[in-house]
Amino acid sequence: MSLTKFTFRQIETFVCVAELHSFAGAAQRLGMTPQAVSQLIAELENILSFRLFDRTTRQVNLSTAGRDFLASAETILRHVREAESAADDVRNRAAGVVRIGAPLVLASTALPAAIREYRDKRPKVVVRVRDLPVDALVSAVSVGDVDLAIGPDRIIDTSVVREALFDSLWVLWCAKDHALARRKVLRWRDLMTTPLVAAGRDHEHSVSQMRLSTPEGERVTPIDVVDNISTALGIAAQGLAATLAPAYVGVLASAFDIVMKRVVDPEVQRKVCLYRSSVRAASPAVEGFATFLGPWMEAWSRQFGHAPRTR
């Protein structure tokens, strides 16, 4: 006997009749006619090759075989309903796994806060964070290592789509007793003789791009490149060098007790984007978290991503 001959409706009807000891009562609960209930039970008995109920004119009782089969039928019913509930959760973006990549600062500050808030709304959605180098974000989305990524604006190919989330100024971070900390206005030419440390090849690249938009006589060059922004901030905190980084780094920099200074003429912006695949269909859970993350990150940037006005 193949189990595929069972139908959920047959099992549901059997369990209901067994509970109520009545074909008419089961019909009323299930929204069917007594004849339809009787037919479903007869079909199931034919598949099983044994009688499920002993029927009299006054009552319906489980047969011995029916009692033996009832526990299995209830288990089937429970699992099917659990599967139906899980499907509803997935369909309504209420369950599933989301893999998201981000560079160190966003992965350690913004994303955990976003996940905590989203978990209050969708407790069955599991969001897993991968901290990735900036240059690996787009490729991680492209090859499917992550479902989403957030990070600096980068060149993409046709396999990835990009959505701008917020802009954040590049600013100077230095110790409180640094000579530049006392300056009300900083310009790029003021940094020409200042030792600077860049955090990662991404920041080194960004500093190089800044130099291209700055007059030749006012260009700056980092004296060293470290892997992590936390290392650069630590060096700056000890007065060994200053570092250039986006203003949103302030959420991490506050632990180092250092000063943030705007650099003008020109001010340089970093654009932070959300990346997702354009060739793979996203699950409802991924779509739901991406929809939530866009405005959440914009609000987060207003709190942490802006530099104070130069006075």
Protein backbone atom coordinates (compact mmCIF):
# COMPACT_ATOMS: atom_id res chain seq x y z
CA MET A 1 0.00 0.00 0.00
CA SER A 2 1.44 3.35 -1.04
CA LEU A 3 1.19 6.16 1.50
CA THR A 4 0.67 8.58 -1.37
CA LYS A 5 -2.91 7.26 -1.60
CA PHE A 6 -3.70 9.00 1.67
CA THR A 7 -5.20 12.47 1.47
CA PHE A 8 -5.02 15.07 4.18
CA ARG A 9 -8.78 15.51 3.98
CA GLN A 10 -9.33 11.80 4.71
CA ILE A 11 -7.01 11.84 7.72
CA GLU A 12 -8.50 15.10 9.03
CA THR A 13 -12.02 13.69 8.72
CA PHE A 14 -11.08 10.44 10.47
CA VAL A 15 -9.52 12.27 13.43
CA CYS A 16 -12.51 14.60 13.71
CA VAL A 17 -15.04 11.74 13.71
CA ALA A 18 -12.93 9.88 16.28
CA GLU A 19 -12.91 12.94 18.54
CA LEU A 20 -16.64 13.73 18.27
CA HIS A 21 -17.97 10.14 17.90
CA SER A 22 -20.33 11.55 15.30
CA PHE A 23 -20.41 11.80 11.52
CA ALA A 24 -22.90 14.66 11.72
CA GLY A 25 -20.79 16.54 14.28
CA ALA A 26 -17.65 16.10 12.16
CA ALA A 27 -19.56 17.30 9.09
CA GLN A 28 -20.64 20.46 10.91
CA ARG A 29 -17.11 21.21 12.20
CA LEU A 30 -15.49 20.56 8.82
CA GLY A 31 -18.13 22.36 6.78
CA MET A 32 -19.23 19.28 4.85
CA THR A 33 -22.34 17.15 4.55
CA PRO A 34 -22.64 13.92 6.57
CA GLN A 35 -22.67 12.04 3.26
CA ALA A 36 -19.31 13.56 2.27
CA VAL A 37 -17.84 12.61 5.67
CA SER A 38 -19.13 9.05 5.28
CA GLN A 39 -17.64 8.83 1.78
CA LEU A 40 -14.20 10.03 2.92
CA ILE A 41 -14.15 7.51 5.77
CA ALA A 42 -15.19 4.72 3.40
CA GLU A 43 -12.41 5.70 0.97
CA LEU A 44 -9.84 5.66 3.76
CA GLU A 45 -11.07 2.29 5.04
CA ASN A 46 -10.76 0.93 1.50
CA ILE A 47 -7.16 2.14 1.28
CA LEU A 48 -6.29 0.75 4.73
CA SER A 49 -8.16 -2.52 4.19
CA PHE A 50 -9.66 -2.42 7.69
CA ARG A 51 -12.68 -0.84 9.36
CA LEU A 52 -12.08 2.34 11.38
CA PHE A 53 -15.38 2.62 13.24
CA ASP A 54 -18.04 0.39 14.75
CA ARG A 55 -21.30 2.13 13.93
CA THR A 56 -24.72 1.74 15.47
CA THR A 57 -27.84 3.80 15.08
CA ARG A 58 -26.97 5.70 18.28
CA GLN A 59 -23.19 6.08 18.34
CA VAL A 60 -19.95 5.83 16.42
CA ASN A 61 -16.97 4.23 18.19
CA LEU A 62 -13.46 3.47 17.06
CA SER A 63 -12.83 -0.11 16.07
CA THR A 64 -9.81 -1.89 17.57
CA ALA A 65 -7.87 -1.23 14.36
CA GLY A 66 -9.11 2.36 14.35
CA ARG A 67 -7.76 2.93 17.88
CA ASP A 68 -4.40 1.50 16.82
CA PHE A 69 -4.29 3.80 13.78
CA LEU A 70 -5.50 6.99 15.52
CA ALA A 71 -2.13 8.03 17.03
CA SER A 72 -0.43 7.81 13.63
CA ALA A 73 -3.25 9.76 12.00
CA GLU A 74 -2.99 12.49 14.65
CA THR A 75 0.76 12.68 14.05
CA ILE A 76 0.20 13.08 10.31
CA LEU A 77 -2.36 15.78 10.98
CA ARG A 78 -0.05 17.64 13.36
CA HIS A 79 2.89 17.56 10.94
CA VAL A 80 0.79 18.72 8.01
CA ARG A 81 -0.56 21.63 10.04
CA GLU A 82 2.95 22.52 11.18
CA ALA A 83 4.08 22.46 7.54
CA GLU A 84 1.14 24.65 6.58
CA SER A 85 2.02 27.11 9.35
CA ALA A 86 5.67 27.13 8.26
CA ALA A 87 4.61 27.81 4.67
CA ASP A 88 2.48 30.72 5.87
CA ASP A 89 5.48 32.11 7.77
CA VAL A 90 7.73 31.82 4.72
CA ARG A 91 5.11 33.32 2.42
CA ASN A 92 4.55 36.23 4.81
CA ARG A 93 8.32 36.84 5.25
CA ALA A 94 8.00 35.72 8.86
CA ALA A 95 10.48 32.81 8.74
CA GLY A 96 13.66 31.80 6.96
CA VAL A 97 17.39 32.44 6.91
CA VAL A 98 19.03 35.62 5.61
CA ARG A 99 22.79 35.81 5.00
CA ILE A 100 24.20 39.33 4.84
CA GLY A 101 27.75 40.58 4.41
CA ALA A 102 29.19 43.89 5.58
CA PRO A 103 32.57 45.46 6.42
CA LEU A 104 33.74 45.59 10.04
CA VAL A 105 32.10 48.81 11.27
CA LEU A 106 28.66 48.08 9.81
CA ALA A 107 28.87 44.38 10.68
CA SER A 108 29.69 45.08 14.32
CA THR A 109 27.44 48.08 15.00
CA ALA A 110 24.59 48.81 12.58
CA LEU A 111 23.64 45.27 11.58
CA PRO A 112 23.36 43.77 15.09
CA ALA A 113 21.09 46.65 16.10
CA ALA A 114 18.98 46.23 12.95
CA ILE A 115 18.71 42.47 13.51
CA ARG A 116 17.59 42.92 17.10
CA GLU A 117 14.81 45.28 16.06
CA TYR A 118 13.76 43.05 13.15
CA ARG A 119 13.70 40.00 15.42
CA ASP A 120 11.03 41.72 17.51
CA LYS A 121 8.87 41.91 14.37
CA ARG A 122 9.85 38.58 12.79
CA PRO A 123 11.18 36.26 15.52
CA LYS A 124 11.36 33.25 13.18
CA VAL A 125 13.70 34.95 10.70
CA VAL A 126 17.35 34.10 11.33
CA VAL A 127 19.82 36.72 10.05
CA ARG A 128 23.45 35.60 9.83
CA VAL A 129 26.16 38.25 9.46
CA ARG A 130 29.44 37.75 7.62
CA ASP A 131 32.07 40.44 8.09
CA LEU A 132 33.77 40.86 4.71
CA PRO A 133 36.41 43.14 3.21
CA VAL A 134 34.87 45.95 1.20
CA ASP A 135 36.31 44.61 -2.04
CA ALA A 136 34.66 41.21 -1.47
CA LEU A 137 31.08 42.43 -0.94
CA VAL A 138 29.92 42.48 -4.56
CA SER A 139 31.55 39.17 -5.47
CA ALA A 140 30.05 37.48 -2.38
CA VAL A 141 26.57 38.49 -3.59
CA SER A 142 27.36 37.54 -7.18
CA VAL A 143 28.46 33.96 -6.37
CA GLY A 144 25.76 33.41 -3.76
CA ASP A 145 27.90 33.34 -0.62
CA VAL A 146 25.51 35.90 0.88
CA ASP A 147 21.98 36.98 0.00
CA LEU A 148 22.56 40.67 0.70
CA ALA A 149 25.49 42.96 1.39
CA ILE A 150 25.83 46.52 2.61
CA GLY A 151 28.89 48.66 2.16
CA PRO A 152 30.59 51.40 0.15
CA ASP A 153 29.61 52.15 -3.42
CA ARG A 154 31.41 49.72 -5.72
CA ILE A 155 31.37 48.81 -9.41
CA ILE A 156 28.87 46.01 -10.13
CA ASP A 157 28.16 43.70 -13.05
CA THR A 158 24.83 42.52 -14.43
CA SER A 159 24.52 39.79 -11.77
CA VAL A 160 24.16 42.31 -8.93
CA VAL A 161 21.86 45.26 -8.32
CA ARG A 162 22.72 48.18 -6.07
CA GLU A 163 20.51 50.47 -4.01
CA ALA A 164 21.88 53.62 -2.38
CA LEU A 165 21.16 53.75 1.36
CA PHE A 166 22.88 56.88 2.68
CA ASP A 167 25.85 59.21 2.24
CA SER A 168 28.45 59.93 4.90
CA LEU A 169 31.24 62.50 4.84
CA TRP A 170 34.88 61.48 4.89
CA VAL A 171 36.34 63.16 7.98
CA LEU A 172 39.60 63.29 9.89
CA TRP A 173 40.00 61.42 13.18
CA CYS A 174 42.77 62.48 15.53
CA ALA A 175 43.75 62.58 19.21
CA LYS A 176 42.35 65.39 21.38
CA ASP A 177 45.82 66.88 21.80
CA HIS A 178 46.64 66.67 18.10
CA ALA A 179 47.56 70.01 16.51
CA LEU A 180 44.67 69.75 14.05
CA ALA A 181 42.14 69.09 16.81
CA ARG A 182 42.25 72.78 17.76
CA ARG A 183 41.58 74.00 14.23
CA LYS A 184 38.07 75.32 13.60
CA VAL A 185 38.31 74.70 9.84
CA LEU A 186 40.38 72.01 8.12
CA ARG A 187 41.25 72.03 4.44
CA TRP A 188 43.07 69.40 2.45
CA ARG A 189 46.22 71.50 2.30
CA ASP A 190 46.32 71.38 6.10
CA LEU A 191 46.89 67.63 5.90
CA MET A 192 49.90 67.74 3.60
CA THR A 193 52.41 67.48 6.44
CA THR A 194 50.19 65.39 8.74
CA PRO A 195 51.08 61.69 9.15
CA LEU A 196 48.03 59.70 8.07
CA VAL A 197 47.24 56.01 8.39
CA ALA A 198 44.72 54.38 6.05
CA ALA A 199 42.55 51.44 7.11
CA GLY A 200 42.61 48.72 4.47
CA ARG A 201 43.14 48.96 0.74
CA ASP A 202 39.63 50.35 0.44
CA HIS A 203 40.52 53.41 2.49
CA GLU A 204 43.87 53.72 0.74
CA HIS A 205 41.99 53.72 -2.55
CA SER A 206 39.52 56.30 -1.23
CA VAL A 207 42.34 58.60 -0.08
CA SER A 208 43.87 58.27 -3.53
CA GLN A 209 40.56 59.27 -5.11
CA MET A 210 40.37 62.27 -2.80
CA ARG A 211 43.79 63.32 -3.95
CA LEU A 212 42.57 63.34 -7.56
CA SER A 213 39.89 65.90 -6.71
CA THR A 214 42.31 68.05 -4.73
CA PRO A 215 44.75 70.57 -6.23
CA GLU A 216 48.17 68.98 -6.77
CA GLY A 217 49.82 71.17 -4.17
CA GLU A 218 47.29 70.10 -1.51
CA ARG A 219 47.29 66.31 -1.97
CA VAL A 220 47.86 63.98 0.96
CA THR A 221 49.41 60.51 1.09
CA PRO A 222 49.06 57.94 3.91
CA ILE A 223 52.30 56.92 5.59
CA ASP A 224 50.96 53.47 6.44
CA VAL A 225 48.07 51.11 5.63
CA VAL A 226 46.59 48.75 8.24
CA ASP A 227 43.96 46.05 7.74
CA ASN A 228 41.24 47.21 10.15
CA ILE A 229 39.69 50.57 10.95
CA SER A 230 39.91 49.78 14.67
CA THR A 231 43.70 49.61 14.33
CA ALA A 232 43.79 52.96 12.53
CA LEU A 233 41.62 54.53 15.21
CA GLY A 234 43.87 53.12 17.93
CA ILE A 235 46.93 54.62 16.24
CA ALA A 236 45.13 57.95 15.96
CA ALA A 237 44.13 57.81 19.64
CA GLN A 238 47.79 57.59 20.63
CA GLY A 239 48.70 60.61 18.51
CA LEU A 240 50.97 58.56 16.23
CA ALA A 241 49.01 59.56 13.13
CA ALA A 242 45.56 60.76 12.09
CA THR A 243 43.21 58.78 9.89
CA LEU A 244 40.54 59.57 7.32
CA ALA A 245 37.30 57.60 7.50
CA PRO A 246 33.56 58.12 6.98
CA ALA A 247 31.66 59.93 9.72
CA TYR A 248 29.58 56.83 10.52
CA VAL A 249 32.75 55.26 11.91
CA GLY A 250 32.00 57.49 14.91
CA VAL A 251 29.78 54.75 16.34
CA LEU A 252 33.00 52.77 16.83
CA ALA A 253 35.42 55.65 17.28
CA SER A 254 33.70 56.91 20.42
CA ALA A 255 35.41 54.14 22.38
CA PHE A 256 38.82 55.60 21.45
CA ASP A 257 38.12 59.10 22.80
CA ILE A 258 39.28 60.84 19.64
CA VAL A 259 38.14 63.93 17.75
CA MET A 260 36.26 64.06 14.44
CA LYS A 261 37.03 67.02 12.16
CA ARG A 262 35.37 67.95 8.87
CA VAL A 263 37.69 68.54 5.92
CA VAL A 264 36.41 71.09 3.40
CA ASP A 265 37.28 72.45 -0.04
CA PRO A 266 36.03 69.98 -1.15
CA GLU A 267 33.99 67.82 1.22
CA VAL A 268 34.05 64.19 0.08
CA GLN A 269 31.11 61.81 0.52
CA ARG A 270 31.05 58.04 0.94
CA LYS A 271 27.93 56.38 -0.44
CA VAL A 272 26.77 53.23 1.36
CA CYS A 273 24.69 50.79 -0.71
CA LEU A 274 22.65 47.61 -0.41
CA TYR A 275 23.64 44.87 -2.85
CA ARG A 276 21.53 41.89 -3.94
CA SER A 277 21.52 39.34 -6.75
CA SER A 278 19.74 40.15 -9.99
CA VAL A 279 19.84 36.56 -11.28
CA ARG A 280 18.70 34.50 -8.26
CA ALA A 281 15.20 34.85 -6.84
CA ALA A 282 15.33 36.04 -3.25
CA SER A 283 13.35 34.17 -0.62
CA PRO A 284 10.47 36.01 1.07
CA ALA A 285 12.62 36.23 4.22
CA VAL A 286 15.43 37.96 2.29
CA GLU A 287 12.99 40.32 0.58
CA GLY A 288 11.38 41.16 3.90
CA PHE A 289 14.67 41.96 5.62
CA ALA A 290 15.92 43.98 2.65
CA THR A 291 12.70 46.02 2.67
CA PHE A 292 13.13 46.67 6.39
CA LEU A 293 16.86 47.41 6.17
CA GLY A 294 16.68 50.27 3.66
CA PRO A 295 14.79 52.83 5.78
CA TRP A 296 16.34 51.47 8.98
CA MET A 297 19.88 52.16 7.72
CA GLU A 298 18.86 55.62 6.55
CA ALA A 299 17.57 56.42 10.04
CA TRP A 300 20.71 54.94 11.60
CA SER A 301 22.90 57.13 9.40
CA ARG A 302 21.06 60.25 10.56
CA GLN A 303 22.00 59.33 14.11
CA PHE A 304 25.57 58.14 13.57
CA GLY A 305 26.62 58.98 10.03
CA HIS A 306 26.81 62.77 10.00
CA ALA A 307 29.69 65.02 10.93
CA PRO A 308 29.13 68.18 12.95
CA ARG A 309 29.01 71.42 11.01
CA THR A 310 32.26 73.33 10.71
CA ARG A 311 32.06 76.59 12.68
